[in-house]
PDB file of N, CA and C in Angstrom:
ATOM      1  N   MET A   1     111.648 -75.897 115.740  1.00  0.00           N
ATOM      2  CA  MET A   1     110.311 -75.373 115.654  1.00  0.00           C
ATOM      3  C   MET A   1     109.279 -76.491 115.704  1.00  0.00           C
ATOM      4  N   CYS A   2     109.688 -77.653 115.256  1.00  0.00           N
ATOM      5  CA  CYS A   2     108.755 -78.761 115.140  1.00  0.00           C
ATOM      6  C   CYS A   2     109.461 -80.040 115.572  1.00  0.00           C
ATOM      7  N   SER A   3     108.791 -80.817 116.382  1.00  0.00           N
ATOM      8  CA  SER A   3     109.398 -82.077 116.808  1.00  0.00           C
ATOM      9  C   SER A   3     109.301 -83.101 115.674  1.00  0.00           C
ATOM     10  N   PRO A   4     110.020 -84.211 115.763  1.00  0.00           N
ATOM     11  CA  PRO A   4     110.003 -85.202 114.681  1.00  0.00           C
ATOM     12  C   PRO A   4     108.654 -85.893 114.490  1.00  0.00           C
ATOM     13  N   GLU A   5     107.756 -85.769 115.448  1.00  0.00           N
ATOM     14  CA  GLU A   5     106.463 -86.426 115.329  1.00  0.00           C
ATOM     15  C   GLU A   5     105.544 -85.604 114.419  1.00  0.00           C
ATOM     16  N   PRO A   6     104.952 -86.228 113.414  1.00  0.00           N
ATOM     17  CA  PRO A   6     104.112 -85.472 112.483  1.00  0.00           C
ATOM     18  C   PRO A   6     102.863 -84.879 113.120  1.00  0.00           C
ATOM     19  N   ILE A   7     102.380 -85.477 114.209  1.00  0.00           N
ATOM     20  CA  ILE A   7     101.172 -84.940 114.831  1.00  0.00           C
ATOM     21  C   ILE A   7     101.431 -83.558 115.432  1.00  0.00           C
ATOM     22  N   ASN A   8     102.678 -83.265 115.767  1.00  0.00           N
ATOM     23  CA  ASN A   8     103.010 -81.951 116.307  1.00  0.00           C
ATOM     24  C   ASN A   8     103.378 -80.961 115.208  1.00  0.00           C
ATOM     25  N   CYS A   9     103.768 -81.442 114.040  1.00  0.00           N
ATOM     26  CA  CYS A   9     104.180 -80.547 112.960  1.00  0.00           C
ATOM     27  C   CYS A   9     103.003 -79.871 112.274  1.00  0.00           C
ATOM     28  N   PHE A  10     101.887 -80.560 112.154  1.00  0.00           N
ATOM     29  CA  PHE A  10     100.765 -79.991 111.422  1.00  0.00           C
ATOM     30  C   PHE A  10     100.220 -78.710 112.050  1.00  0.00           C
ATOM     31  N   PRO A  11      99.987 -78.655 113.367  1.00  0.00           N
ATOM     32  CA  PRO A  11      99.509 -77.400 113.944  1.00  0.00           C
ATOM     33  C   PRO A  11     100.510 -76.255 113.785  1.00  0.00           C
ATOM     34  N   VAL A  12     101.790 -76.555 113.875  1.00  0.00           N
ATOM     35  CA  VAL A  12     102.805 -75.507 113.697  1.00  0.00           C
ATOM     36  C   VAL A  12     102.769 -74.991 112.259  1.00  0.00           C
ATOM     37  N   LEU A  13     102.691 -75.893 111.294  1.00  0.00           N
ATOM     38  CA  LEU A  13     102.605 -75.498 109.895  1.00  0.00           C
ATOM     39  C   LEU A  13     101.340 -74.685 109.635  1.00  0.00           C
ATOM     40  N   LEU A  14     100.230 -75.099 110.186  1.00  0.00           N
ATOM     41  CA  LEU A  14      98.973 -74.376 110.032  1.00  0.00           C
ATOM     42  C   LEU A  14      99.074 -72.973 110.621  1.00  0.00           C
ATOM     43  N   ASN A  15      99.717 -72.858 111.752  1.00  0.00           N
ATOM     44  CA  ASN A  15      99.897 -71.555 112.394  1.00  0.00           C
ATOM     45  C   ASN A  15     100.757 -70.638 111.527  1.00  0.00           C
ATOM     46  N   ILE A  16     101.849 -71.145 111.002  1.00  0.00           N
ATOM     47  CA  ILE A  16     102.744 -70.333 110.177  1.00  0.00           C
ATOM     48  C   ILE A  16     102.032 -69.874 108.908  1.00  0.00           C
ATOM     49  N   LEU A  17     101.350 -70.784 108.232  1.00  0.00           N
ATOM     50  CA  LEU A  17     100.671 -70.433 106.983  1.00  0.00           C
ATOM     51  C   LEU A  17      99.523 -69.450 107.197  1.00  0.00           C
ATOM     52  N   SER A  18      98.720 -69.684 108.207  1.00  0.00           N
ATOM     53  CA  SER A  18      97.578 -68.794 108.431  1.00  0.00           C
ATOM     54  C   SER A  18      98.034 -67.402 108.819  1.00  0.00           C
ATOM     55  N   ASN A  19      99.058 -67.292 109.645  1.00  0.00           N
ATOM     56  CA  ASN A  19      99.562 -65.968 110.012  1.00  0.00           C
ATOM     57  C   ASN A  19     100.228 -65.275 108.824  1.00  0.00           C
ATOM     58  N   ALA A  20     100.860 -66.045 107.945  1.00  0.00           N
ATOM     59  CA  ALA A  20     101.453 -65.448 106.748  1.00  0.00           C
ATOM     60  C   ALA A  20     100.363 -64.888 105.838  1.00  0.00           C
ATOM     61  N   PHE A  21      99.271 -65.626 105.664  1.00  0.00           N
ATOM     62  CA  PHE A  21      98.166 -65.124 104.838  1.00  0.00           C
ATOM     63  C   PHE A  21      97.510 -63.897 105.464  1.00  0.00           C
ATOM     64  N   LEU A  22      97.417 -63.877 106.780  1.00  0.00           N
ATOM     65  CA  LEU A  22      96.853 -62.693 107.437  1.00  0.00           C
ATOM     66  C   LEU A  22      97.753 -61.476 107.252  1.00  0.00           C
ATOM     67  N   ARG A  23      99.064 -61.674 107.318  1.00  0.00           N
ATOM     68  CA  ARG A  23      99.991 -60.555 107.099  1.00  0.00           C
ATOM     69  C   ARG A  23      99.911 -60.045 105.661  1.00  0.00           C
ATOM     70  N   LEU A  24      99.697 -60.962 104.693  1.00  0.00           N
ATOM     71  CA  LEU A  24      99.577 -60.547 103.299  1.00  0.00           C
ATOM     72  C   LEU A  24      98.360 -59.649 103.077  1.00  0.00           C
ATOM     73  N   HIS A  25      97.328 -59.858 103.851  1.00  0.00           N
ATOM     74  CA  HIS A  25      96.103 -59.056 103.723  1.00  0.00           C
ATOM     75  C   HIS A  25      96.070 -57.896 104.708  1.00  0.00           C
ATOM     76  N   ASN A  26      97.213 -57.555 105.268  1.00  0.00           N
ATOM     77  CA  ASN A  26      97.364 -56.416 106.190  1.00  0.00           C
ATOM     78  C   ASN A  26      96.397 -56.483 107.370  1.00  0.00           C
ATOM     79  N   SER A  27      96.255 -57.633 107.921  1.00  0.00           N
ATOM     80  CA  SER A  27      95.384 -57.809 109.075  1.00  0.00           C
ATOM     81  C   SER A  27      96.227 -57.785 110.344  1.00  0.00           C
ATOM     82  N   SER A  28      95.644 -57.269 111.401  1.00  0.00           N
ATOM     83  CA  SER A  28      96.362 -57.247 112.681  1.00  0.00           C
ATOM     84  C   SER A  28      96.036 -58.488 113.516  1.00  0.00           C
ATOM     85  N   ALA A  29      95.091 -59.288 113.072  1.00  0.00           N
ATOM     86  CA  ALA A  29      94.718 -60.507 113.802  1.00  0.00           C
ATOM     87  C   ALA A  29      95.765 -61.587 113.593  1.00  0.00           C
ATOM     88  N   ARG A  30      95.898 -62.454 114.560  1.00  0.00           N
ATOM     89  CA  ARG A  30      96.836 -63.569 114.474  1.00  0.00           C
ATOM     90  C   ARG A  30      96.165 -64.829 114.997  1.00  0.00           C
ATOM     91  N   PHE A  31      96.541 -65.941 114.414  1.00  0.00           N
ATOM     92  CA  PHE A  31      96.091 -67.245 114.897  1.00  0.00           C
ATOM     93  C   PHE A  31      97.107 -67.791 115.873  1.00  0.00           C
ATOM     94  N   ARG A  32      96.606 -68.492 116.861  1.00  0.00           N
ATOM     95  CA  ARG A  32      97.470 -69.205 117.787  1.00  0.00           C
ATOM     96  C   ARG A  32      96.973 -70.640 117.828  1.00  0.00           C
ATOM     97  N   VAL A  33      97.795 -71.564 117.390  1.00  0.00           N
ATOM     98  CA  VAL A  33      97.404 -72.963 117.265  1.00  0.00           C
ATOM     99  C   VAL A  33      98.296 -73.808 118.156  1.00  0.00           C
ATOM    100  N   TRP A  34      97.696 -74.763 118.840  1.00  0.00           N
ATOM    101  CA  TRP A  34      98.479 -75.712 119.634  1.00  0.00           C
ATOM    102  C   TRP A  34      97.814 -77.069 119.528  1.00  0.00           C
ATOM    103  N   SER A  35      98.557 -78.078 119.856  1.00  0.00           N
ATOM    104  CA  SER A  35      97.999 -79.429 119.761  1.00  0.00           C
ATOM    105  C   SER A  35      98.067 -80.107 121.117  1.00  0.00           C
ATOM    106  N   GLN A  36      96.984 -80.792 121.424  1.00  0.00           N
ATOM    107  CA  GLN A  36      96.935 -81.652 122.597  1.00  0.00           C
ATOM    108  C   GLN A  36      96.320 -82.956 122.131  1.00  0.00           C
ATOM    109  N   LEU A  37      96.942 -84.058 122.461  1.00  0.00           N
ATOM    110  CA  LEU A  37      96.449 -85.341 121.984  1.00  0.00           C
ATOM    111  C   LEU A  37      95.103 -85.701 122.590  1.00  0.00           C
ATOM    112  N   PHE A  38      94.927 -85.416 123.863  1.00  0.00           N
ATOM    113  CA  PHE A  38      93.694 -85.767 124.530  1.00  0.00           C
ATOM    114  C   PHE A  38      93.168 -84.560 125.283  1.00  0.00           C
ATOM    115  N   TYR A  39      91.851 -84.471 125.350  1.00  0.00           N
ATOM    116  CA  TYR A  39      91.227 -83.404 126.117  1.00  0.00           C
ATOM    117  C   TYR A  39      91.380 -83.719 127.597  1.00  0.00           C
ATOM    118  N   LYS A  40      91.987 -82.823 128.312  1.00  0.00           N
ATOM    119  CA  LYS A  40      92.243 -83.061 129.736  1.00  0.00           C
ATOM    120  C   LYS A  40      91.134 -82.423 130.557  1.00  0.00           C
ATOM    121  N   ALA A  41      90.112 -83.184 130.814  1.00  0.00           N
ATOM    122  CA  ALA A  41      88.992 -82.677 131.593  1.00  0.00           C
ATOM    123  C   ALA A  41      89.046 -83.285 132.986  1.00  0.00           C
ATOM    124  N   GLU A  42      88.942 -82.444 133.961  1.00  0.00           N
ATOM    125  CA  GLU A  42      88.921 -82.917 135.344  1.00  0.00           C
ATOM    126  C   GLU A  42      87.489 -83.026 135.847  1.00  0.00           C
ATOM    127  N   ASN A  43      86.543 -82.832 134.952  1.00  0.00           N
ATOM    128  CA  ASN A  43      85.142 -82.892 135.321  1.00  0.00           C
ATOM    129  C   ASN A  43      84.690 -84.356 135.353  1.00  0.00           C
ATOM    130  N   SER A  44      84.507 -84.893 136.543  1.00  0.00           N
ATOM    131  CA  SER A  44      84.127 -86.300 136.664  1.00  0.00           C
ATOM    132  C   SER A  44      82.691 -86.532 136.207  1.00  0.00           C
ATOM    133  N   ASP A  45      81.833 -85.508 136.286  1.00  0.00           N
ATOM    134  CA  ASP A  45      80.461 -85.669 135.814  1.00  0.00           C
ATOM    135  C   ASP A  45      80.432 -85.931 134.312  1.00  0.00           C
ATOM    136  N   LEU A  46      81.286 -85.236 133.579  1.00  0.00           N
ATOM    137  CA  LEU A  46      81.353 -85.429 132.135  1.00  0.00           C
ATOM    138  C   LEU A  46      81.857 -86.831 131.814  1.00  0.00           C
ATOM    139  N   LYS A  47      82.862 -87.287 132.533  1.00  0.00           N
ATOM    140  CA  LYS A  47      83.390 -88.629 132.311  1.00  0.00           C
ATOM    141  C   LYS A  47      82.331 -89.691 132.606  1.00  0.00           C
ATOM    142  N   ASN A  48      81.595 -89.507 133.694  1.00  0.00           N
ATOM    143  CA  ASN A  48      80.535 -90.451 134.043  1.00  0.00           C
ATOM    144  C   ASN A  48      79.425 -90.440 132.995  1.00  0.00           C
ATOM    145  N   TYR A  49      79.073 -89.252 132.512  1.00  0.00           N
ATOM    146  CA  TYR A  49      78.033 -89.132 131.487  1.00  0.00           C
ATOM    147  C   TYR A  49      78.439 -89.871 130.222  1.00  0.00           C
ATOM    148  N   ILE A  50      79.674 -89.692 129.803  1.00  0.00           N
ATOM    149  CA  ILE A  50      80.166 -90.368 128.598  1.00  0.00           C
ATOM    150  C   ILE A  50      80.213 -91.877 128.818  1.00  0.00           C
ATOM    151  N   PHE A  51      80.730 -92.300 129.972  1.00  0.00           N
ATOM    152  CA  PHE A  51      80.836 -93.730 130.259  1.00  0.00           C
ATOM    153  C   PHE A  51      79.472 -94.400 130.279  1.00  0.00           C
ATOM    154  N   TYR A  52      78.530 -93.843 131.027  1.00  0.00           N
ATOM    155  CA  TYR A  52      77.213 -94.467 131.131  1.00  0.00           C
ATOM    156  C   TYR A  52      76.434 -94.358 129.821  1.00  0.00           C
ATOM    157  N   GLY A  53      76.664 -93.316 129.056  1.00  0.00           N
ATOM    158  CA  GLY A  53      76.026 -93.211 127.742  1.00  0.00           C
ATOM    159  C   GLY A  53      76.512 -94.300 126.811  1.00  0.00           C
ATOM    160  N   LEU A  54      77.815 -94.504 126.751  1.00  0.00           N
ATOM    161  CA  LEU A  54      78.355 -95.559 125.899  1.00  0.00           C
ATOM    162  C   LEU A  54      77.979 -96.950 126.411  1.00  0.00           C
ATOM    163  N   PHE A  55      77.958 -97.100 127.724  1.00  0.00           N
ATOM    164  CA  PHE A  55      77.593 -98.385 128.315  1.00  0.00           C
ATOM    165  C   PHE A  55      76.146 -98.745 127.985  1.00  0.00           C
ATOM    166  N   SER A  56      75.243 -97.776 128.099  1.00  0.00           N
ATOM    167  CA  SER A  56      73.838 -98.057 127.787  1.00  0.00           C
ATOM    168  C   SER A  56      73.658 -98.327 126.301  1.00  0.00           C
ATOM    169  N   TYR A  57      74.417 -97.653 125.453  1.00  0.00           N
ATOM    170  CA  TYR A  57      74.360 -97.913 124.016  1.00  0.00           C
ATOM    171  C   TYR A  57      74.804 -99.350 123.717  1.00  0.00           C
ATOM    172  N   LEU A  58      75.873 -99.800 124.362  1.00  0.00           N
ATOM    173  CA  LEU A  58      76.344-101.163 124.147  1.00  0.00           C
ATOM    174  C   LEU A  58      75.347-102.197 124.669  1.00  0.00           C
ATOM    175  N   LEU A  59      74.664-101.883 125.762  1.00  0.00           N
ATOM    176  CA  LEU A  59      73.652-102.810 126.273  1.00  0.00           C
ATOM    177  C   LEU A  59      72.497-102.955 125.291  1.00  0.00           C
ATOM    178  N   VAL A  60      72.064-101.846 124.720  1.00  0.00           N
ATOM    179  CA  VAL A  60      70.975-101.908 123.735  1.00  0.00           C
ATOM    180  C   VAL A  60      71.439-102.674 122.505  1.00  0.00           C
ATOM    181  N   LEU A  61      72.661-102.438 122.083  1.00  0.00           N
ATOM    182  CA  LEU A  61      73.205-103.151 120.938  1.00  0.00           C
ATOM    183  C   LEU A  61      73.296-104.646 121.223  1.00  0.00           C
ATOM    184  N   ALA A  62      73.763-105.001 122.412  1.00  0.00           N
ATOM    185  CA  ALA A  62      73.892-106.409 122.771  1.00  0.00           C
ATOM    186  C   ALA A  62      72.519-107.076 122.884  1.00  0.00           C
ATOM    187  N   ALA A  63      71.507-106.330 123.299  1.00  0.00           N
ATOM    188  CA  ALA A  63      70.166-106.899 123.403  1.00  0.00           C
ATOM    189  C   ALA A  63      69.536-107.088 122.030  1.00  0.00           C
ATOM    190  N   GLY A  64      69.984-106.335 121.038  1.00  0.00           N
ATOM    191  CA  GLY A  64      69.394-106.433 119.711  1.00  0.00           C
ATOM    192  C   GLY A  64      70.044-107.453 118.812  1.00  0.00           C
ATOM    193  N   LEU A  65      71.230-107.925 119.141  1.00  0.00           N
ATOM    194  CA  LEU A  65      71.916-108.865 118.263  1.00  0.00           C
ATOM    195  C   LEU A  65      71.373-110.292 118.296  1.00  0.00           C
ATOM    196  N   PRO A  66      71.054-110.878 119.444  1.00  0.00           N
ATOM    197  CA  PRO A  66      70.545-112.258 119.434  1.00  0.00           C
ATOM    198  C   PRO A  66      69.283-112.447 118.602  1.00  0.00           C
ATOM    199  N   PRO A  67      68.293-111.544 118.646  1.00  0.00           N
ATOM    200  CA  PRO A  67      67.134-111.742 117.766  1.00  0.00           C
ATOM    201  C   PRO A  67      67.510-111.709 116.288  1.00  0.00           C
ATOM    202  N   LEU A  68      68.513-110.951 115.936  1.00  0.00           N
ATOM    203  CA  LEU A  68      68.955-110.904 114.550  1.00  0.00           C
ATOM    204  C   LEU A  68      69.463-112.274 114.098  1.00  0.00           C
ATOM    205  N   PHE A  69      70.271-112.903 114.928  1.00  0.00           N
ATOM    206  CA  PHE A  69      70.768-114.234 114.596  1.00  0.00           C
ATOM    207  C   PHE A  69      69.640-115.263 114.588  1.00  0.00           C
ATOM    208  N   ALA A  70      68.704-115.113 115.518  1.00  0.00           N
ATOM    209  CA  ALA A  70      67.582-116.054 115.571  1.00  0.00           C
ATOM    210  C   ALA A  70      66.721-115.925 114.327  1.00  0.00           C
ATOM    211  N   MET A  71      66.469-114.720 113.875  1.00  0.00           N
ATOM    212  CA  MET A  71      65.650-114.528 112.670  1.00  0.00           C
ATOM    213  C   MET A  71      66.359-115.090 111.446  1.00  0.00           C
ATOM    214  N   SER A  72      67.671-114.984 111.426  1.00  0.00           N
ATOM    215  CA  SER A  72      68.420-115.554 110.312  1.00  0.00           C
ATOM    216  C   SER A  72      68.260-117.071 110.280  1.00  0.00           C
ATOM    217  N   SER A  73      68.303-117.696 111.432  1.00  0.00           N
ATOM    218  CA  SER A  73      68.132-119.152 111.504  1.00  0.00           C
ATOM    219  C   SER A  73      66.724-119.564 111.105  1.00  0.00           C
ATOM    220  N   VAL A  74      65.723-118.780 111.506  1.00  0.00           N
ATOM    221  CA  VAL A  74      64.341-119.084 111.153  1.00  0.00           C
ATOM    222  C   VAL A  74      64.151-118.971 109.650  1.00  0.00           C
ATOM    223  N   GLU A  75      64.728-117.948 109.040  1.00  0.00           N
ATOM    224  CA  GLU A  75      64.628-117.796 107.584  1.00  0.00           C
ATOM    225  C   GLU A  75      65.306-118.957 106.874  1.00  0.00           C
ATOM    226  N   ASP A  76      66.459-119.383 107.386  1.00  0.00           N
ATOM    227  CA  ASP A  76      67.142-120.538 106.803  1.00  0.00           C
ATOM    228  C   ASP A  76      66.271-121.791 106.904  1.00  0.00           C
ATOM    229  N   TYR A  77      65.576-121.951 108.033  1.00  0.00           N
ATOM    230  CA  TYR A  77      64.722-123.126 108.226  1.00  0.00           C
ATOM    231  C   TYR A  77      63.530-123.099 107.270  1.00  0.00           C
ATOM    232  N   LYS A  78      62.987-121.876 107.041  1.00  0.00           N
ATOM    233  CA  LYS A  78      61.807-121.766 106.190  1.00  0.00           C
ATOM    234  C   LYS A  78      62.134-122.151 104.736  1.00  0.00           C
ATOM    235  N   VAL A  79      63.296-121.760 104.259  1.00  0.00           N
ATOM    236  CA  VAL A  79      63.654-122.092 102.870  1.00  0.00           C
ATOM    237  C   VAL A  79      64.436-123.391 102.785  1.00  0.00           C
ATOM    238  N   LYS A  80      64.610-124.056 103.921  1.00  0.00           N
ATOM    239  CA  LYS A  80      65.251-125.380 104.014  1.00  0.00           C
ATOM    240  C   LYS A  80      66.668-125.397 103.427  1.00  0.00           C
ATOM    241  N   ILE A  81      67.485-124.465 103.942  1.00  0.00           N
ATOM    242  CA  ILE A  81      68.873-124.415 103.530  1.00  0.00           C
ATOM    243  C   ILE A  81      69.641-125.515 104.264  1.00  0.00           C
ATOM    244  N   THR A  82      70.438-126.253 103.546  1.00  0.00           N
ATOM    245  CA  THR A  82      71.258-127.282 104.158  1.00  0.00           C
ATOM    246  C   THR A  82      72.729-126.904 104.013  1.00  0.00           C
ATOM    247  N   SER A  83      73.523-127.331 104.959  1.00  0.00           N
ATOM    248  CA  SER A  83      74.958-127.069 104.897  1.00  0.00           C
ATOM    249  C   SER A  83      75.616-128.017 103.920  1.00  0.00           C
ATOM    250  N   CYS A  84      76.652-127.555 103.279  1.00  0.00           N
ATOM    251  CA  CYS A  84      77.376-128.389 102.312  1.00  0.00           C
ATOM    252  C   CYS A  84      78.289-129.355 103.002  1.00  0.00           C
TER     253      CYS A  84
END
């Protein structure tokens, strides 16, 4: 019923428990649970949107880091911190 990998056992256990609780309450509804490790989307527009969104976020992050280091050095210079 369940493979040795724990990632596959949890959805099976969830399915068994939820359907058992539904049967206890005399419900005709049933849950169907399955697991997929990755979302398999063949939509290239979605992939491009995600890629360019993350890429632009990293560019903004990379542009913001050098001033942070520069300001730290300026603050060190103002209080005249010396290395040990």
